[in-house]
Amino acid sequence: MASIRAIAQEILPDARAEIAWIAFYKKGRGWGAQCFFPDFDDQSGTFTFDTDDTEWIEEILSIDANAIFVNPYYSNLGPSAEEGMTRETLANGLRWQYDLQSSLLREAREDRAQPEPETVKVGDYINTPRFCTVKIAEIFASEAEAHSHGYSISSYYRGDDCTIWG
């Protein structure tokens, strides 16, 4: 049974590099983590894993179906390496993200990718191309309307087909 701090210490070098995607999961009364370096397709919003990685993912999901899949850069795991990421800040960020349950490992797998619904409505959850799951709080007909409601920049994603405001 590994403590969350011990796990954070093990993956700290990869987390500081900010290029690894971390599968973080509950293992009995302890924790586990595995770093992955998948290819990401911006067009489809999916990850491509090596065969060995897919086997690891299956094993992790058999241990904890609620495992998360996070990246220090995209998922807000606390301070960056330049800002002083430590074992403690990483452990806190991992626990916070696990409690949120917004970046689930099972959703990252290419073979389980689901197409987004053609029409979204308030209350729906969508996955952005940067692998963030966001809940639709408001829908605006135009950028000008979003500005009139106090939104100043598109902080999540801006693409040809949609803009997601934070």
Protein backbone atom coordinates (compact mmCIF):
# COMPACT_ATOMS: atom_id res chain seq x y z
CA MET A 1 0.00 0.00 0.00
CA ALA A 2 1.72 3.18 -1.20
CA SER A 3 0.89 6.58 0.19
CA ILE A 4 -0.08 9.38 -2.14
CA ARG A 5 3.13 11.22 -1.15
CA ALA A 6 5.30 8.19 -2.02
CA ILE A 7 3.59 7.91 -5.42
CA ALA A 8 4.06 11.65 -6.03
CA GLN A 9 7.77 11.28 -5.24
CA GLU A 10 8.12 8.40 -7.74
CA ILE A 11 6.57 10.32 -10.64
CA LEU A 12 7.88 13.79 -9.73
CA PRO A 13 10.61 13.91 -12.45
CA ASP A 14 8.10 13.02 -15.21
CA ALA A 15 5.52 15.42 -13.77
CA ARG A 16 8.05 18.25 -13.70
CA ALA A 17 8.85 17.64 -17.38
CA GLU A 18 5.12 18.27 -18.08
CA ILE A 19 5.00 15.89 -21.06
CA ALA A 20 3.85 12.70 -19.36
CA TRP A 21 0.20 11.77 -18.97
CA ILE A 22 -0.30 10.22 -15.56
CA ALA A 23 -2.78 7.46 -14.79
CA PHE A 24 -3.52 7.85 -11.09
CA TYR A 25 -5.64 5.29 -9.29
CA LYS A 26 -6.74 3.95 -5.94
CA LYS A 27 -5.20 0.59 -5.11
CA GLY A 28 -6.86 -0.90 -2.05
CA ARG A 29 -6.23 1.58 0.74
CA GLY A 30 -3.24 3.05 -1.11
CA TRP A 31 -2.52 4.67 -4.46
CA GLY A 32 -0.81 3.86 -7.73
CA ALA A 33 0.39 5.83 -10.74
CA GLN A 34 1.82 5.08 -14.15
CA CYS A 35 3.23 7.60 -16.63
CA PHE A 36 2.35 7.34 -20.32
CA PHE A 37 3.56 9.20 -23.39
CA PRO A 38 0.75 8.67 -25.93
CA ASP A 39 0.34 10.44 -29.25
CA PHE A 40 -2.55 12.91 -29.29
CA ASP A 41 -4.56 13.70 -32.41
CA ASP A 42 -5.83 17.30 -32.22
CA GLN A 43 -8.31 16.67 -35.05
CA SER A 44 -10.15 13.78 -33.40
CA GLY A 45 -9.29 14.61 -29.80
CA THR A 46 -8.09 11.06 -29.14
CA PHE A 47 -4.96 9.43 -27.76
CA THR A 48 -3.08 6.60 -29.47
CA PHE A 49 -1.35 4.20 -27.10
CA ASP A 50 1.30 1.54 -27.71
CA THR A 51 0.15 -2.06 -27.25
CA ASP A 52 2.07 -2.36 -23.97
CA ASP A 53 0.42 0.83 -22.73
CA THR A 54 -3.03 -0.53 -23.59
CA GLU A 55 -2.33 -3.59 -21.46
CA TRP A 56 -1.26 -1.37 -18.55
CA ILE A 57 -4.42 0.70 -18.94
CA GLU A 58 -6.60 -2.43 -18.84
CA GLU A 59 -4.83 -3.55 -15.67
CA ILE A 60 -5.23 -0.14 -14.03
CA LEU A 61 -8.92 0.02 -14.95
CA SER A 62 -9.45 -3.46 -13.50
CA ILE A 63 -8.03 -2.12 -10.21
CA ASP A 64 -9.90 1.20 -10.26
CA ALA A 65 -12.56 2.04 -12.84
CA ASN A 66 -12.42 5.66 -11.61
CA ALA A 67 -8.71 6.12 -12.36
CA ILE A 68 -7.87 9.55 -13.72
CA PHE A 69 -5.59 10.50 -16.63
CA VAL A 70 -3.94 13.87 -16.13
CA ASN A 71 -1.07 15.96 -17.40
CA PRO A 72 0.65 18.56 -15.21
CA TYR A 73 0.46 21.19 -17.96
CA TYR A 74 -3.14 20.67 -19.09
CA SER A 75 -4.74 19.41 -15.88
CA ASN A 76 -3.61 21.89 -13.20
CA LEU A 77 -1.68 19.68 -10.84
CA GLY A 78 -0.32 22.68 -8.98
CA PRO A 79 2.79 24.76 -9.61
CA SER A 80 4.90 24.00 -12.66
CA ALA A 81 8.50 22.85 -12.29
CA GLU A 82 9.63 26.45 -12.78
CA GLU A 83 7.22 27.60 -10.05
CA GLY A 84 8.49 24.99 -7.59
CA MET A 85 6.53 21.77 -8.02
CA THR A 86 7.26 19.58 -5.01
CA ARG A 87 6.18 16.16 -3.87
CA GLU A 88 3.58 17.82 -1.62
CA THR A 89 2.10 20.08 -4.30
CA LEU A 90 1.95 17.20 -6.77
CA ALA A 91 0.30 14.89 -4.21
CA ASN A 92 -2.29 17.59 -3.45
CA GLY A 93 -2.95 18.18 -7.16
CA LEU A 94 -3.37 14.48 -7.88
CA ARG A 95 -5.78 14.04 -4.96
CA TRP A 96 -7.77 17.11 -6.03
CA GLN A 97 -8.04 15.86 -9.61
CA TYR A 98 -9.00 12.37 -8.43
CA ASP A 99 -11.77 13.82 -6.27
CA LEU A 100 -13.03 15.90 -9.22
CA GLN A 101 -13.25 12.80 -11.46
CA SER A 102 -13.24 14.99 -14.59
CA SER A 103 -10.38 13.40 -16.56
CA LEU A 104 -11.10 9.68 -16.42
CA LEU A 105 -8.64 7.16 -17.83
CA ARG A 106 -11.43 5.10 -19.38
CA GLU A 107 -12.43 8.14 -21.47
CA ALA A 108 -8.88 8.64 -22.79
CA ARG A 109 -8.74 5.33 -24.60
CA GLU A 110 -9.02 5.65 -28.35
CA ASP A 111 -11.19 2.56 -28.71
CA ARG A 112 -13.75 4.00 -26.33
CA ALA A 113 -13.92 7.50 -27.81
CA GLN A 114 -17.52 8.58 -28.26
CA PRO A 115 -18.60 11.15 -30.82
CA GLU A 116 -19.94 14.34 -29.33
CA PRO A 117 -23.68 14.86 -29.70
CA GLU A 118 -24.64 17.07 -32.61
CA THR A 119 -26.53 19.43 -30.32
CA VAL A 120 -25.37 20.30 -26.85
CA LYS A 121 -27.53 21.83 -24.17
CA VAL A 122 -26.99 23.45 -20.80
CA GLY A 123 -25.94 20.80 -18.30
CA ASP A 124 -24.24 18.52 -20.85
CA TYR A 125 -20.61 17.52 -20.33
CA ILE A 126 -18.26 17.70 -23.31
CA ASN A 127 -14.61 16.81 -23.84
CA THR A 128 -12.48 19.60 -25.26
CA PRO A 129 -9.59 18.88 -27.64
CA ARG A 130 -7.21 19.58 -24.75
CA PHE A 131 -8.70 16.66 -22.78
CA CYS A 132 -10.67 18.70 -20.31
CA THR A 133 -14.21 17.69 -19.47
CA VAL A 134 -16.39 20.75 -19.03
CA LYS A 135 -20.03 21.21 -18.12
CA ILE A 136 -22.02 23.54 -20.35
CA ALA A 137 -23.30 26.34 -18.12
CA GLU A 138 -24.49 28.79 -20.78
CA ILE A 139 -24.81 28.79 -24.56
CA PHE A 140 -24.45 31.98 -26.56
CA ALA A 141 -25.37 32.62 -30.18
CA SER A 142 -22.32 34.76 -30.83
CA GLU A 143 -19.03 35.95 -29.42
CA ALA A 144 -20.56 39.40 -28.92
CA GLU A 145 -23.30 37.89 -26.75
CA ALA A 146 -20.67 36.07 -24.66
CA HIS A 147 -18.82 39.37 -24.20
CA SER A 148 -22.06 41.05 -23.08
CA HIS A 149 -22.38 38.42 -20.34
CA GLY A 150 -18.90 39.18 -18.97
CA TYR A 151 -16.72 36.68 -20.85
CA SER A 152 -13.62 38.36 -22.21
CA ILE A 153 -11.46 35.57 -23.66
CA SER A 154 -11.84 32.00 -24.81
CA SER A 155 -9.81 30.37 -22.09
CA TYR A 156 -10.59 26.73 -22.84
CA TYR A 157 -10.59 26.26 -26.59
CA ARG A 158 -11.14 28.13 -29.81
CA GLY A 159 -11.64 26.12 -32.97
CA ASP A 160 -13.35 26.34 -36.35
CA ASP A 161 -16.56 24.82 -35.04
CA CYS A 162 -16.84 26.20 -31.50
CA THR A 163 -15.36 28.38 -28.82
CA ILE A 164 -15.37 27.26 -25.20
CA TRP A 165 -15.18 30.04 -22.65
CA GLY A 166 -13.87 29.50 -19.14
